[in-house]
């Protein structure tokens, strides 16, 4: 399982998802529902964008969850979480999460470093650049770029 907010999905996410899909018979991309955070895209949009972006992989299933990841893992009988790492700062945070998930639910975490060409990418940065009129087309798939541009125009950001 590869969890995240994916708001929006970037080529960095897709690099990790594609590589992970080659390691496992089935990979669940689990989109986090965070009721305390207003995202650029709602849950249905994020699921649709990821589903389209990963359709060619064949063994990727897109789902969503709210609450604790370990509860979702228990409910879906998943015992391994895969997390992409961009930099050591990601590792510092993700290691704590991995240790907590193992302690709470026996869930193991596998870390997969992202391709260096995507190491600076984050959804937050992509949204920020898009809000200020920057060209983010090389950071996200074309269908995501189109929806992101549309959303920025609607919101007037």
Foldseek 3Di string as FASTA:
>chain_A
DEEDQPLDPWVQNVQQVLVVLVVDQAAEYEHEDDPVDDGLDDPVVRQVQVCVVCVVSPRYHYYYDYDDPLVVCVVVVHQEYEYEALDVVRVVVVVVVQVVSCVVHVHHYHYDYTDNVCSVDDSVVLLVCVLVPHDCPNTHPPVVSVVSNVSSVVVVD
